Amino acid sequence: MVVVVQGAGAAEENDSRWPPWLKPLLKTDFFVQCKHHADSHKSECNMYCLDCANGAMCSLCLAHHRDHRAIQIRRSSYHDVIRVSEIQKVLDITGVQTYIINSARVVFINERPQPRPGKGVTNTCQVCERSLLDSFRFCSLGCKIAGTEGVNNKKKKPASPATPAASDSEGSYSSTSHGSAKSNLIQSFSPSTPPPTAINYRSAKRRKGIPHRAPFGSLIIEF
């Protein structure tokens, strides 16, 4: 009896598109003190073995990885970077923006938080929306993995053909109903022209004013 697990093929496909060392690299903490060479002044862990993928190493640990592929991690503004000359030999970095730091071209390993894009920015990272040059799509290796896997997942998601048609007819119906309802609302709130009525003669007749007497008209002078 063969048991087929749905979704297993998709997970294998996603993992096969990237080297097995890449995702562990993104989660590794570098520039910490080496546990095996804590007494040495070169105990800072800034090396990574691509064949072992078992965490950060210091330069003294490389003696146990002589025949392995190892890359050096550098730091820029408290963020981990890799030189393009090293990473492009083992990984396709197409679409990831590169930077020149200390006269060397590098790429960032993980995304860097940015509150909002600057004024006049026309291109941003497809994952974290960091400002980019127009010829790039991602700001880091981590964003490229997240962005590429997200696009593939969206393509595999089945779309219902009846949904757009239903929404279109529903929208037109709602628009028509809304229009007639609005028309009725305007008619109900608009006052009709009052019918002509007979003018009341008494109200139209000019009232007689109150007579004003001379100020000394009631004054009687006796001799």
N, C-alpha and C. Protein backbone atom coordinates (compact mmCIF):
# COMPACT_ATOMS: atom_id res chain seq x y z
N MET A 1 0.85 -1.19 0.00
CA MET A 1 0.00 0.00 0.00
C MET A 1 0.89 1.24 0.00
N VAL A 2 0.62 2.15 -0.94
CA VAL A 2 1.42 3.37 -1.08
C VAL A 2 0.61 4.56 -0.60
N VAL A 3 1.15 5.27 0.32
CA VAL A 3 0.47 6.45 0.86
C VAL A 3 1.07 7.68 0.22
N VAL A 4 0.22 8.48 -0.43
CA VAL A 4 0.66 9.70 -1.09
C VAL A 4 0.28 10.89 -0.23
N VAL A 5 1.26 11.66 0.13
CA VAL A 5 1.02 12.83 0.96
C VAL A 5 0.95 14.05 0.05
N GLN A 6 -0.17 14.71 0.00
CA GLN A 6 -0.34 15.88 -0.83
C GLN A 6 0.46 17.05 -0.27
N GLY A 7 1.09 17.78 -1.17
CA GLY A 7 1.87 18.94 -0.77
C GLY A 7 3.33 18.63 -0.55
N ALA A 8 3.70 17.35 -0.46
CA ALA A 8 5.10 17.01 -0.24
C ALA A 8 5.94 17.35 -1.45
N GLY A 9 5.39 17.13 -2.64
CA GLY A 9 6.13 17.45 -3.86
C GLY A 9 6.41 18.93 -4.00
N ALA A 10 5.44 19.76 -3.59
CA ALA A 10 5.64 21.20 -3.68
C ALA A 10 6.73 21.66 -2.73
N ALA A 11 6.77 21.05 -1.51
CA ALA A 11 7.81 21.44 -0.55
C ALA A 11 9.19 21.05 -1.06
N GLU A 12 9.28 19.83 -1.67
CA GLU A 12 10.57 19.40 -2.21
C GLU A 12 11.00 20.29 -3.36
N GLU A 13 10.02 20.72 -4.17
CA GLU A 13 10.36 21.59 -5.29
C GLU A 13 10.90 22.93 -4.81
N ASN A 14 10.29 23.48 -3.77
CA ASN A 14 10.76 24.75 -3.24
C ASN A 14 12.16 24.62 -2.66
N ASP A 15 12.43 23.51 -1.96
CA ASP A 15 13.73 23.32 -1.35
C ASP A 15 14.81 23.05 -2.39
N SER A 16 14.46 22.39 -3.48
CA SER A 16 15.45 22.04 -4.50
C SER A 16 15.91 23.25 -5.30
N ARG A 17 15.15 24.31 -5.28
CA ARG A 17 15.55 25.50 -6.04
C ARG A 17 16.68 26.26 -5.37
N TRP A 18 16.94 26.00 -4.10
CA TRP A 18 17.99 26.70 -3.37
C TRP A 18 19.00 25.70 -2.83
N PRO A 19 20.25 26.12 -2.70
CA PRO A 19 21.26 25.24 -2.08
C PRO A 19 20.85 24.89 -0.64
N PRO A 20 21.19 23.72 -0.15
CA PRO A 20 20.77 23.33 1.20
C PRO A 20 21.37 24.19 2.30
N TRP A 21 22.42 24.94 2.01
CA TRP A 21 23.07 25.75 3.03
C TRP A 21 22.50 27.17 3.11
N LEU A 22 21.67 27.56 2.14
CA LEU A 22 21.26 28.97 2.05
C LEU A 22 20.32 29.37 3.19
N LYS A 23 19.24 28.63 3.40
CA LYS A 23 18.29 28.99 4.45
C LYS A 23 18.89 28.91 5.84
N PRO A 24 19.73 27.90 6.15
CA PRO A 24 20.42 27.95 7.45
C PRO A 24 21.33 29.15 7.58
N LEU A 25 21.93 29.58 6.47
CA LEU A 25 22.80 30.77 6.53
C LEU A 25 22.01 32.01 6.95
N LEU A 26 20.79 32.16 6.45
CA LEU A 26 19.98 33.33 6.77
C LEU A 26 19.62 33.40 8.26
N LYS A 27 19.58 32.25 8.93
CA LYS A 27 19.18 32.21 10.34
C LYS A 27 20.37 32.19 11.29
N THR A 28 21.58 32.23 10.77
CA THR A 28 22.77 32.12 11.60
C THR A 28 23.16 33.47 12.18
N ASP A 29 23.53 33.48 13.44
CA ASP A 29 24.03 34.69 14.11
C ASP A 29 25.55 34.72 14.00
N PHE A 30 26.05 35.77 13.39
CA PHE A 30 27.48 35.93 13.21
C PHE A 30 28.03 36.99 14.18
N PHE A 31 29.35 37.07 14.20
CA PHE A 31 30.07 38.04 15.02
C PHE A 31 29.81 37.83 16.51
N VAL A 32 29.70 36.58 16.89
CA VAL A 32 29.63 36.20 18.30
C VAL A 32 30.93 35.47 18.65
N GLN A 33 31.19 35.31 19.91
CA GLN A 33 32.43 34.66 20.33
C GLN A 33 32.36 33.15 20.11
N CYS A 34 33.43 32.60 19.56
CA CYS A 34 33.49 31.17 19.30
C CYS A 34 33.57 30.40 20.61
N LYS A 35 32.80 29.34 20.71
CA LYS A 35 32.79 28.55 21.94
C LYS A 35 34.06 27.69 22.08
N HIS A 36 34.68 27.37 20.94
CA HIS A 36 35.84 26.48 20.97
C HIS A 36 37.17 27.24 21.10
N HIS A 37 37.18 28.50 20.75
CA HIS A 37 38.41 29.29 20.80
C HIS A 37 38.17 30.62 21.52
N ALA A 38 37.56 30.55 22.66
CA ALA A 38 37.20 31.76 23.40
C ALA A 38 38.43 32.50 23.90
N ASP A 39 39.56 31.82 24.08
CA ASP A 39 40.76 32.46 24.61
C ASP A 39 41.58 33.16 23.52
N SER A 40 41.24 32.98 22.29
CA SER A 40 42.00 33.58 21.19
C SER A 40 41.43 34.95 20.83
N HIS A 41 42.33 35.83 20.34
CA HIS A 41 41.86 37.15 19.93
C HIS A 41 41.19 37.10 18.55
N LYS A 42 41.20 35.93 17.90
CA LYS A 42 40.52 35.74 16.62
C LYS A 42 39.31 34.83 16.79
N SER A 43 38.63 35.00 17.90
CA SER A 43 37.51 34.10 18.20
C SER A 43 36.17 34.63 17.69
N GLU A 44 36.18 35.68 16.90
CA GLU A 44 34.91 36.21 16.37
C GLU A 44 34.43 35.34 15.22
N CYS A 45 33.21 34.91 15.29
CA CYS A 45 32.65 33.99 14.28
C CYS A 45 32.14 34.77 13.08
N ASN A 46 32.95 34.80 12.03
CA ASN A 46 32.56 35.49 10.81
C ASN A 46 32.78 34.63 9.57
N MET A 47 32.86 33.29 9.78
CA MET A 47 33.03 32.36 8.67
C MET A 47 31.85 31.38 8.65
N TYR A 48 31.59 30.84 7.45
CA TYR A 48 30.48 29.89 7.30
C TYR A 48 30.88 28.81 6.30
N CYS A 49 30.72 27.57 6.69
CA CYS A 49 31.05 26.44 5.83
C CYS A 49 29.81 26.04 5.05
N LEU A 50 29.90 26.10 3.72
CA LEU A 50 28.77 25.76 2.87
C LEU A 50 28.50 24.26 2.83
N ASP A 51 29.52 23.47 3.05
CA ASP A 51 29.34 22.01 3.00
C ASP A 51 28.77 21.45 4.29
N CYS A 52 29.11 22.06 5.41
CA CYS A 52 28.60 21.58 6.71
C CYS A 52 27.31 22.29 7.11
N ALA A 53 27.25 23.61 6.86
CA ALA A 53 26.07 24.41 7.20
C ALA A 53 25.63 24.18 8.63
N ASN A 54 26.60 24.20 9.55
CA ASN A 54 26.29 23.92 10.95
C ASN A 54 26.56 25.10 11.86
N GLY A 55 26.45 26.32 11.34
CA GLY A 55 26.60 27.49 12.18
C GLY A 55 27.85 28.29 11.84
N ALA A 56 27.99 29.41 12.56
CA ALA A 56 29.12 30.30 12.33
C ALA A 56 30.40 29.72 12.92
N MET A 57 31.51 30.09 12.29
CA MET A 57 32.82 29.62 12.76
C MET A 57 33.77 30.81 12.82
N CYS A 58 34.83 30.65 13.60
CA CYS A 58 35.90 31.64 13.59
C CYS A 58 36.99 31.18 12.62
N SER A 59 37.98 32.01 12.43
CA SER A 59 39.04 31.67 11.47
C SER A 59 39.85 30.46 11.91
N LEU A 60 39.94 30.21 13.22
CA LEU A 60 40.67 29.05 13.71
C LEU A 60 39.92 27.75 13.46
N CYS A 61 38.63 27.83 13.32
CA CYS A 61 37.83 26.63 13.04
C CYS A 61 38.03 26.12 11.63
N LEU A 62 38.57 26.95 10.75
CA LEU A 62 38.76 26.54 9.35
C LEU A 62 39.75 25.41 9.21
N ALA A 63 40.57 25.19 10.24
CA ALA A 63 41.53 24.09 10.17
C ALA A 63 40.84 22.74 10.05
N HIS A 64 39.60 22.65 10.52
CA HIS A 64 38.83 21.41 10.43
C HIS A 64 37.97 21.35 9.17
N HIS A 65 38.05 22.37 8.33
CA HIS A 65 37.24 22.43 7.09
C HIS A 65 38.14 22.77 5.90
N ARG A 66 39.30 22.14 5.84
CA ARG A 66 40.28 22.52 4.81
C ARG A 66 39.77 22.21 3.40
N ASP A 67 39.09 21.12 3.24
CA ASP A 67 38.61 20.71 1.91
C ASP A 67 37.17 21.16 1.64
N HIS A 68 36.64 22.02 2.48
CA HIS A 68 35.25 22.48 2.33
C HIS A 68 35.22 23.90 1.74
N ARG A 69 34.04 24.23 1.27
CA ARG A 69 33.84 25.59 0.76
C ARG A 69 33.41 26.49 1.92
N ALA A 70 34.13 27.53 2.14
CA ALA A 70 33.82 28.46 3.23
C ALA A 70 33.79 29.89 2.70
N ILE A 71 32.89 30.68 3.23
CA ILE A 71 32.79 32.09 2.84
C ILE A 71 32.91 32.95 4.09
N GLN A 72 33.34 34.17 3.88
CA GLN A 72 33.50 35.10 5.01
C GLN A 72 32.33 36.08 5.04
N ILE A 73 31.79 36.28 6.21
CA ILE A 73 30.69 37.22 6.43
C ILE A 73 31.28 38.52 6.95
N ARG A 74 30.87 39.61 6.38
CA ARG A 74 31.32 40.93 6.83
C ARG A 74 30.13 41.72 7.35
N ARG A 75 30.40 42.85 7.95
CA ARG A 75 29.34 43.64 8.59
C ARG A 75 29.38 45.07 8.09
N SER A 76 28.19 45.60 7.82
CA SER A 76 28.03 46.99 7.41
C SER A 76 26.81 47.57 8.12
N SER A 77 27.06 48.58 8.95
CA SER A 77 25.97 49.22 9.71
C SER A 77 25.15 48.19 10.48
N TYR A 78 25.86 47.28 11.16
CA TYR A 78 25.24 46.26 12.01
C TYR A 78 24.41 45.25 11.21
N HIS A 79 24.68 45.13 9.91
CA HIS A 79 23.99 44.14 9.08
C HIS A 79 25.03 43.28 8.37
N ASP A 80 24.72 41.99 8.23
CA ASP A 80 25.66 41.04 7.63
C ASP A 80 25.62 41.12 6.11
N VAL A 81 26.80 41.12 5.51
CA VAL A 81 26.93 41.19 4.05
C VAL A 81 27.93 40.14 3.59
N ILE A 82 27.87 39.81 2.30
CA ILE A 82 28.81 38.89 1.66
C ILE A 82 29.32 39.56 0.40
N ARG A 83 30.59 39.40 0.12
CA ARG A 83 31.14 39.96 -1.11
C ARG A 83 30.58 39.23 -2.32
N VAL A 84 30.30 40.02 -3.33
CA VAL A 84 29.74 39.44 -4.56
C VAL A 84 30.72 38.46 -5.18
N SER A 85 31.99 38.76 -5.12
CA SER A 85 33.01 37.88 -5.71
C SER A 85 33.00 36.48 -5.09
N GLU A 86 32.52 36.34 -3.86
CA GLU A 86 32.46 35.03 -3.20
C GLU A 86 31.12 34.35 -3.41
N ILE A 87 30.03 35.08 -3.24
CA ILE A 87 28.71 34.46 -3.26
C ILE A 87 28.25 34.11 -4.66
N GLN A 88 28.65 34.87 -5.68
CA GLN A 88 28.17 34.60 -7.03
C GLN A 88 28.77 33.32 -7.62
N LYS A 89 29.78 32.78 -6.98
CA LYS A 89 30.35 31.51 -7.43
C LYS A 89 29.47 30.32 -7.06
N VAL A 90 28.65 30.48 -6.04
CA VAL A 90 27.85 29.37 -5.53
C VAL A 90 26.35 29.66 -5.54
N LEU A 91 25.95 30.88 -5.91
CA LEU A 91 24.53 31.23 -5.85
C LEU A 91 24.20 32.28 -6.90
N ASP A 92 23.03 32.13 -7.50
CA ASP A 92 22.55 33.11 -8.47
C ASP A 92 21.94 34.29 -7.71
N ILE A 93 22.55 35.45 -7.83
CA ILE A 93 22.07 36.63 -7.10
C ILE A 93 21.41 37.63 -8.05
N THR A 94 20.93 37.16 -9.18
CA THR A 94 20.26 38.04 -10.13
C THR A 94 19.04 38.69 -9.48
N GLY A 95 18.90 39.99 -9.64
CA GLY A 95 17.78 40.73 -9.08
C GLY A 95 18.02 41.29 -7.70
N VAL A 96 19.12 40.90 -7.05
CA VAL A 96 19.43 41.41 -5.72
C VAL A 96 20.35 42.62 -5.86
N GLN A 97 19.99 43.73 -5.24
CA GLN A 97 20.79 44.95 -5.36
C GLN A 97 22.14 44.76 -4.66
N THR A 98 23.18 45.25 -5.29
CA THR A 98 24.53 45.20 -4.73
C THR A 98 24.95 46.60 -4.30
N TYR A 99 25.88 46.64 -3.37
CA TYR A 99 26.38 47.89 -2.83
C TYR A 99 27.91 47.84 -2.80
N ILE A 100 28.53 48.99 -2.90
CA ILE A 100 29.98 49.08 -2.80
C ILE A 100 30.33 49.60 -1.41
N ILE A 101 30.96 48.77 -0.61
CA ILE A 101 31.36 49.10 0.76
C ILE A 101 32.83 48.76 0.91
N ASN A 102 33.60 49.75 1.33
CA ASN A 102 35.06 49.57 1.48
C ASN A 102 35.69 49.07 0.18
N SER A 103 35.29 49.68 -0.91
CA SER A 103 35.84 49.39 -2.25
C SER A 103 35.52 47.98 -2.72
N ALA A 104 34.55 47.32 -2.12
CA ALA A 104 34.17 45.97 -2.54
C ALA A 104 32.65 45.91 -2.73
N ARG A 105 32.23 45.19 -3.75
CA ARG A 105 30.80 45.06 -4.01
C ARG A 105 30.23 43.92 -3.17
N VAL A 106 29.16 44.21 -2.45
CA VAL A 106 28.59 43.23 -1.53
C VAL A 106 27.07 43.15 -1.71
N VAL A 107 26.49 42.10 -1.13
CA VAL A 107 25.03 41.95 -1.04
C VAL A 107 24.69 41.70 0.42
N PHE A 108 23.51 42.17 0.83
CA PHE A 108 23.06 41.95 2.20
C PHE A 108 22.41 40.57 2.31
N ILE A 109 22.59 39.95 3.46
CA ILE A 109 22.04 38.61 3.66
C ILE A 109 20.54 38.67 3.95
N ASN A 110 20.14 39.52 4.85
CA ASN A 110 18.73 39.64 5.23
C ASN A 110 18.25 41.07 5.01
N GLU A 111 16.95 41.23 5.05
CA GLU A 111 16.35 42.54 4.82
C GLU A 111 16.70 43.50 5.95
N ARG A 112 16.65 44.79 5.63
CA ARG A 112 16.91 45.83 6.62
C ARG A 112 15.66 46.68 6.77
N PRO A 113 15.18 46.87 7.97
CA PRO A 113 13.95 47.66 8.15
C PRO A 113 14.11 49.08 7.65
N GLN A 114 13.06 49.57 7.01
CA GLN A 114 13.03 50.95 6.53
C GLN A 114 11.64 51.51 6.79
N PRO A 115 11.54 52.63 7.53
CA PRO A 115 10.21 53.14 7.89
C PRO A 115 9.34 53.43 6.67
N ARG A 116 9.89 54.15 5.71
CA ARG A 116 9.13 54.49 4.51
C ARG A 116 10.10 54.83 3.39
N PRO A 117 9.72 54.59 2.14
CA PRO A 117 10.60 54.95 1.03
C PRO A 117 10.82 56.46 0.95
N GLY A 118 11.98 56.86 0.45
CA GLY A 118 12.27 58.27 0.32
C GLY A 118 11.44 58.93 -0.77
N LYS A 119 11.47 60.24 -0.81
CA LYS A 119 10.71 60.98 -1.81
C LYS A 119 11.29 60.75 -3.19
N GLY A 120 10.42 60.59 -4.15
CA GLY A 120 10.86 60.38 -5.52
C GLY A 120 11.29 58.97 -5.84
N VAL A 121 11.09 58.01 -4.93
CA VAL A 121 11.49 56.63 -5.17
C VAL A 121 10.47 55.97 -6.10
N THR A 122 10.96 55.36 -7.17
CA THR A 122 10.09 54.71 -8.14
C THR A 122 10.18 53.20 -8.11
N ASN A 123 11.13 52.64 -7.38
CA ASN A 123 11.30 51.19 -7.32
C ASN A 123 11.63 50.78 -5.90
N THR A 124 10.95 49.74 -5.42
CA THR A 124 11.18 49.24 -4.07
C THR A 124 11.27 47.72 -4.09
N CYS A 125 11.79 47.16 -3.02
CA CYS A 125 11.91 45.71 -2.88
C CYS A 125 10.51 45.08 -2.89
N GLN A 126 10.36 43.99 -3.60
CA GLN A 126 9.05 43.35 -3.73
C GLN A 126 8.59 42.67 -2.45
N VAL A 127 9.48 42.56 -1.45
CA VAL A 127 9.11 41.91 -0.20
C VAL A 127 8.99 42.92 0.94
N CYS A 128 10.05 43.70 1.18
CA CYS A 128 10.05 44.61 2.33
C CYS A 128 9.87 46.08 1.93
N GLU A 129 9.76 46.37 0.62
CA GLU A 129 9.51 47.72 0.11
C GLU A 129 10.63 48.70 0.44
N ARG A 130 11.83 48.21 0.52
CA ARG A 130 12.98 49.10 0.71
C ARG A 130 13.33 49.74 -0.63
N SER A 131 13.81 50.98 -0.60
CA SER A 131 14.14 51.70 -1.82
C SER A 131 15.26 51.00 -2.58
N LEU A 132 15.07 50.83 -3.88
CA LEU A 132 16.04 50.15 -4.72
C LEU A 132 16.27 50.95 -6.00
N LEU A 133 17.36 50.63 -6.67
CA LEU A 133 17.58 51.13 -8.02
C LEU A 133 16.62 50.42 -8.97
N ASP A 134 16.37 51.03 -10.11
CA ASP A 134 15.34 50.52 -11.01
C ASP A 134 15.66 49.14 -11.58
N SER A 135 16.91 48.75 -11.62
CA SER A 135 17.28 47.47 -12.25
C SER A 135 17.25 46.29 -11.29
N PHE A 136 16.81 46.48 -10.04
CA PHE A 136 16.80 45.39 -9.07
C PHE A 136 15.39 45.15 -8.54
N ARG A 137 15.17 43.93 -8.00
CA ARG A 137 13.87 43.54 -7.47
C ARG A 137 13.88 43.29 -5.98
N PHE A 138 15.04 42.91 -5.42
CA PHE A 138 15.13 42.55 -4.01
C PHE A 138 16.32 43.26 -3.38
N CYS A 139 16.22 43.49 -2.08
CA CYS A 139 17.29 44.19 -1.36
C CYS A 139 18.26 43.24 -0.70
N SER A 140 17.96 41.96 -0.63
CA SER A 140 18.81 41.01 0.07
C SER A 140 18.54 39.61 -0.44
N LEU A 141 19.39 38.67 -0.01
CA LEU A 141 19.19 37.26 -0.37
C LEU A 141 17.92 36.71 0.25
N GLY A 142 17.67 37.07 1.50
CA GLY A 142 16.46 36.60 2.17
C GLY A 142 15.19 37.05 1.48
N CYS A 143 15.18 38.30 0.99
CA CYS A 143 14.00 38.81 0.30
C CYS A 143 13.80 38.11 -1.05
N LYS A 144 14.89 37.74 -1.70
CA LYS A 144 14.75 37.03 -2.97
C LYS A 144 14.11 35.67 -2.76
N ILE A 145 14.50 34.96 -1.70
CA ILE A 145 13.90 33.66 -1.41
C ILE A 145 12.41 33.83 -1.09
N ALA A 146 12.11 34.78 -0.21
CA ALA A 146 10.71 35.00 0.18
C ALA A 146 9.87 35.46 -1.00
N GLY A 147 10.41 36.36 -1.82
CA GLY A 147 9.66 36.89 -2.95
C GLY A 147 9.44 35.87 -4.04
N THR A 148 10.45 35.05 -4.33
CA THR A 148 10.32 34.04 -5.37
C THR A 148 9.38 32.93 -4.96
N GLU A 149 9.46 32.48 -3.74
CA GLU A 149 8.55 31.44 -3.26
C GLU A 149 7.12 31.96 -3.19
N GLY A 150 6.96 33.24 -2.83
CA GLY A 150 5.61 33.82 -2.78
C GLY A 150 4.97 33.88 -4.15
N VAL A 151 5.76 34.21 -5.19
CA VAL A 151 5.23 34.27 -6.56
C VAL A 151 4.81 32.89 -7.02
N ASN A 152 5.61 31.87 -6.73
CA ASN A 152 5.26 30.52 -7.14
C ASN A 152 4.00 30.02 -6.45
N ASN A 153 3.84 30.36 -5.18
CA ASN A 153 2.64 29.94 -4.46
C ASN A 153 1.39 30.59 -5.04
N LYS A 154 1.52 31.84 -5.46
CA LYS A 154 0.37 32.52 -6.05
C LYS A 154 -0.01 31.89 -7.39
N LYS A 155 0.99 31.46 -8.16
CA LYS A 155 0.70 30.84 -9.45
C LYS A 155 0.00 29.51 -9.29
N LYS A 156 0.33 28.75 -8.24
CA LYS A 156 -0.25 27.44 -8.05
C LYS A 156 -1.64 27.51 -7.45
N LYS A 157 -2.04 28.62 -6.94
CA LYS A 157 -3.35 28.76 -6.32
C LYS A 157 -4.42 28.79 -7.39
N PRO A 158 -5.37 27.83 -7.39
CA PRO A 158 -6.40 27.81 -8.44
C PRO A 158 -7.35 28.98 -8.30
N ALA A 159 -7.73 29.49 -9.45
CA ALA A 159 -8.66 30.63 -9.47
C ALA A 159 -10.00 30.16 -9.99
N SER A 160 -11.06 30.58 -9.36
CA SER A 160 -12.41 30.20 -9.77
C SER A 160 -12.87 31.09 -10.91
N PRO A 161 -13.23 30.50 -12.10
CA PRO A 161 -13.64 31.36 -13.22
C PRO A 161 -14.98 32.02 -13.00
N ALA A 162 -15.80 31.42 -12.11
CA ALA A 162 -17.14 31.99 -11.91
C ALA A 162 -17.10 33.22 -11.02
N THR A 163 -16.04 33.37 -10.26
CA THR A 163 -15.99 34.49 -9.32
C THR A 163 -15.97 35.84 -10.01
N PRO A 164 -15.10 36.05 -11.06
CA PRO A 164 -15.08 37.37 -11.70
C PRO A 164 -16.40 37.72 -12.34
N ALA A 165 -17.05 36.69 -13.03
CA ALA A 165 -18.31 36.98 -13.70
C ALA A 165 -19.38 37.37 -12.70
N ALA A 166 -19.40 36.61 -11.60
CA ALA A 166 -20.40 36.92 -10.58
C ALA A 166 -20.18 38.30 -9.99
N SER A 167 -18.93 38.65 -9.81
CA SER A 167 -18.65 39.94 -9.20
C SER A 167 -18.99 41.07 -10.16
N ASP A 168 -18.77 40.81 -11.52
CA ASP A 168 -19.09 41.86 -12.48
C ASP A 168 -20.59 42.10 -12.54
N SER A 169 -21.37 41.00 -12.64
CA SER A 169 -22.81 41.17 -12.71
C SER A 169 -23.35 41.75 -11.42
N GLU A 170 -22.74 41.30 -10.35
CA GLU A 170 -23.18 41.79 -9.05
C GLU A 170 -22.89 43.27 -8.91
N GLY A 171 -21.72 43.68 -9.45
CA GLY A 171 -21.37 45.09 -9.36
C GLY A 171 -22.27 45.96 -10.21
N SER A 172 -22.62 45.45 -11.43
CA SER A 172 -23.49 46.24 -12.29
C SER A 172 -24.89 46.34 -11.69
N TYR A 173 -25.33 45.22 -11.08
CA TYR A 173 -26.64 45.25 -10.44
C TYR A 173 -26.65 46.21 -9.27
N SER A 174 -25.61 46.19 -8.51
CA SER A 174 -25.53 47.10 -7.37
C SER A 174 -25.48 48.53 -7.82
N SER A 175 -24.80 48.77 -8.96
CA SER A 175 -24.70 50.13 -9.46
C SER A 175 -26.05 50.63 -9.93
N THR A 176 -26.81 49.72 -10.63
CA THR A 176 -28.13 50.13 -11.11
C THR A 176 -29.08 50.36 -9.95
N SER A 177 -29.06 49.44 -9.00
CA SER A 177 -29.94 49.60 -7.84
C SER A 177 -29.59 50.85 -7.06
N HIS A 178 -28.31 51.09 -6.97
CA HIS A 178 -27.88 52.27 -6.22
C HIS A 178 -28.31 53.54 -6.94
N GLY A 179 -28.27 53.48 -8.31
CA GLY A 179 -28.66 54.67 -9.06
C GLY A 179 -30.14 54.97 -8.91
N SER A 180 -30.99 53.91 -9.02
CA SER A 180 -32.43 54.14 -8.88
C SER A 180 -32.79 54.55 -7.47
N ALA A 181 -32.11 53.93 -6.50
CA ALA A 181 -32.38 54.31 -5.11
C ALA A 181 -32.00 55.75 -4.86
N LYS A 182 -30.87 56.14 -5.48
CA LYS A 182 -30.44 57.52 -5.31
C LYS A 182 -31.42 58.48 -5.95
N SER A 183 -31.97 58.05 -7.14
CA SER A 183 -32.94 58.90 -7.81
C SER A 183 -34.19 59.06 -6.96
N ASN A 184 -34.68 57.93 -6.38
CA ASN A 184 -35.86 58.01 -5.52
C ASN A 184 -35.58 58.86 -4.29
N LEU A 185 -34.35 58.76 -3.80
CA LEU A 185 -34.02 59.54 -2.61
C LEU A 185 -34.06 61.03 -2.92
N ILE A 186 -33.55 61.40 -4.11
CA ILE A 186 -33.56 62.81 -4.50
C ILE A 186 -34.99 63.30 -4.67
N GLN A 187 -35.83 62.42 -5.29
CA GLN A 187 -37.22 62.84 -5.49
C GLN A 187 -37.95 63.00 -4.17
N SER A 188 -37.66 62.13 -3.22
CA SER A 188 -38.37 62.20 -1.94
C SER A 188 -37.95 63.41 -1.13
N PHE A 189 -36.70 63.86 -1.33
CA PHE A 189 -36.23 64.99 -0.56
C PHE A 189 -36.42 66.32 -1.29
N SER A 190 -36.74 66.27 -2.58
CA SER A 190 -36.94 67.51 -3.33
C SER A 190 -38.38 67.98 -3.15
N PRO A 191 -38.64 69.18 -2.65
CA PRO A 191 -40.03 69.65 -2.45
C PRO A 191 -40.68 69.99 -3.78
N SER A 192 -41.94 69.62 -3.91
CA SER A 192 -42.68 69.91 -5.15
C SER A 192 -43.09 71.37 -5.17
N THR A 193 -43.38 71.86 -6.37
CA THR A 193 -43.77 73.27 -6.53
C THR A 193 -45.15 73.48 -5.94
N PRO A 194 -45.33 74.40 -5.00
CA PRO A 194 -46.65 74.58 -4.36
C PRO A 194 -47.66 75.11 -5.37
N PRO A 195 -48.93 74.64 -5.32
CA PRO A 195 -49.95 75.12 -6.26
C PRO A 195 -50.31 76.56 -5.97
N PRO A 196 -50.71 77.27 -7.03
CA PRO A 196 -51.07 78.68 -6.83
C PRO A 196 -52.34 78.81 -6.00
N THR A 197 -52.35 79.71 -5.07
CA THR A 197 -53.51 79.92 -4.18
C THR A 197 -53.98 81.36 -4.31
N ALA A 198 -55.27 81.59 -3.95
CA ALA A 198 -55.84 82.93 -4.01
C ALA A 198 -55.21 83.83 -2.96
N ILE A 199 -54.92 85.01 -3.36
CA ILE A 199 -54.28 85.96 -2.45
C ILE A 199 -55.33 86.53 -1.50
N ASN A 200 -55.09 86.46 -0.26
CA ASN A 200 -56.00 86.99 0.75
C ASN A 200 -56.02 88.52 0.64
N TYR A 201 -57.22 89.03 0.42
CA TYR A 201 -57.34 90.47 0.18
C TYR A 201 -56.97 91.25 1.42
N ARG A 202 -57.42 90.73 2.59
CA ARG A 202 -57.14 91.47 3.82
C ARG A 202 -55.66 91.52 4.13
N SER A 203 -55.00 90.33 3.88
CA SER A 203 -53.56 90.32 4.16
C SER A 203 -52.82 91.16 3.16
N ALA A 204 -53.36 91.21 1.93
CA ALA A 204 -52.67 91.99 0.90
C ALA A 204 -52.93 93.48 1.05
N LYS A 205 -54.05 93.85 1.65
CA LYS A 205 -54.39 95.25 1.79
C LYS A 205 -53.43 95.93 2.76
N ARG A 206 -53.00 97.06 2.40
CA ARG A 206 -52.06 97.81 3.22
C ARG A 206 -52.73 98.27 4.50
N ARG A 207 -52.11 97.96 5.62
CA ARG A 207 -52.68 98.37 6.89
C ARG A 207 -52.54 99.87 7.08
N LYS A 208 -53.56 100.40 7.76
CA LYS A 208 -53.54 101.83 8.04
C LYS A 208 -52.57 102.11 9.18
N GLY A 209 -51.75 103.05 8.99
CA GLY A 209 -50.75 103.35 10.00
C GLY A 209 -51.34 104.03 11.23
N ILE A 210 -50.65 103.97 12.32
CA ILE A 210 -51.08 104.59 13.56
C ILE A 210 -50.88 106.10 13.45
N PRO A 211 -51.97 106.90 13.71
CA PRO A 211 -51.83 108.38 13.56
C PRO A 211 -50.88 108.94 14.61
N HIS A 212 -50.12 109.88 14.17
CA HIS A 212 -49.19 110.56 15.06
C HIS A 212 -49.69 111.98 15.31
N ARG A 213 -49.87 112.36 16.56
CA ARG A 213 -50.34 113.70 16.92
C ARG A 213 -49.17 114.63 17.17
N ALA A 214 -49.48 115.87 17.03
CA ALA A 214 -48.43 116.86 17.28
C ALA A 214 -48.04 116.80 18.74
N PRO A 215 -46.83 117.06 19.05
CA PRO A 215 -46.38 116.92 20.45
C PRO A 215 -47.11 117.83 21.43
N PHE A 216 -47.60 119.01 20.95
CA PHE A 216 -48.31 119.94 21.85
C PHE A 216 -49.79 120.03 21.53
N GLY A 217 -50.32 119.00 20.83
CA GLY A 217 -51.73 119.06 20.43
C GLY A 217 -52.67 118.98 21.63
N SER A 218 -52.30 118.30 22.67
CA SER A 218 -53.18 118.14 23.84
C SER A 218 -52.86 119.14 24.94
N LEU A 219 -51.97 120.06 24.68
CA LEU A 219 -51.59 121.03 25.70
C LEU A 219 -52.60 122.19 25.67
N ILE A 220 -53.28 122.46 26.80
CA ILE A 220 -54.29 123.57 26.92
C ILE A 220 -53.66 124.67 27.69
N ILE A 221 -53.69 125.78 27.07
CA ILE A 221 -53.12 126.98 27.71
C ILE A 221 -54.24 127.84 28.25
N GLU A 222 -54.26 128.15 29.52
CA GLU A 222 -55.26 128.99 30.15
C GLU A 222 -54.68 130.37 30.45
N PHE A 223 -55.54 131.40 30.23
CA PHE A 223 -55.12 132.79 30.52
C PHE A 223 -55.77 133.23 31.78
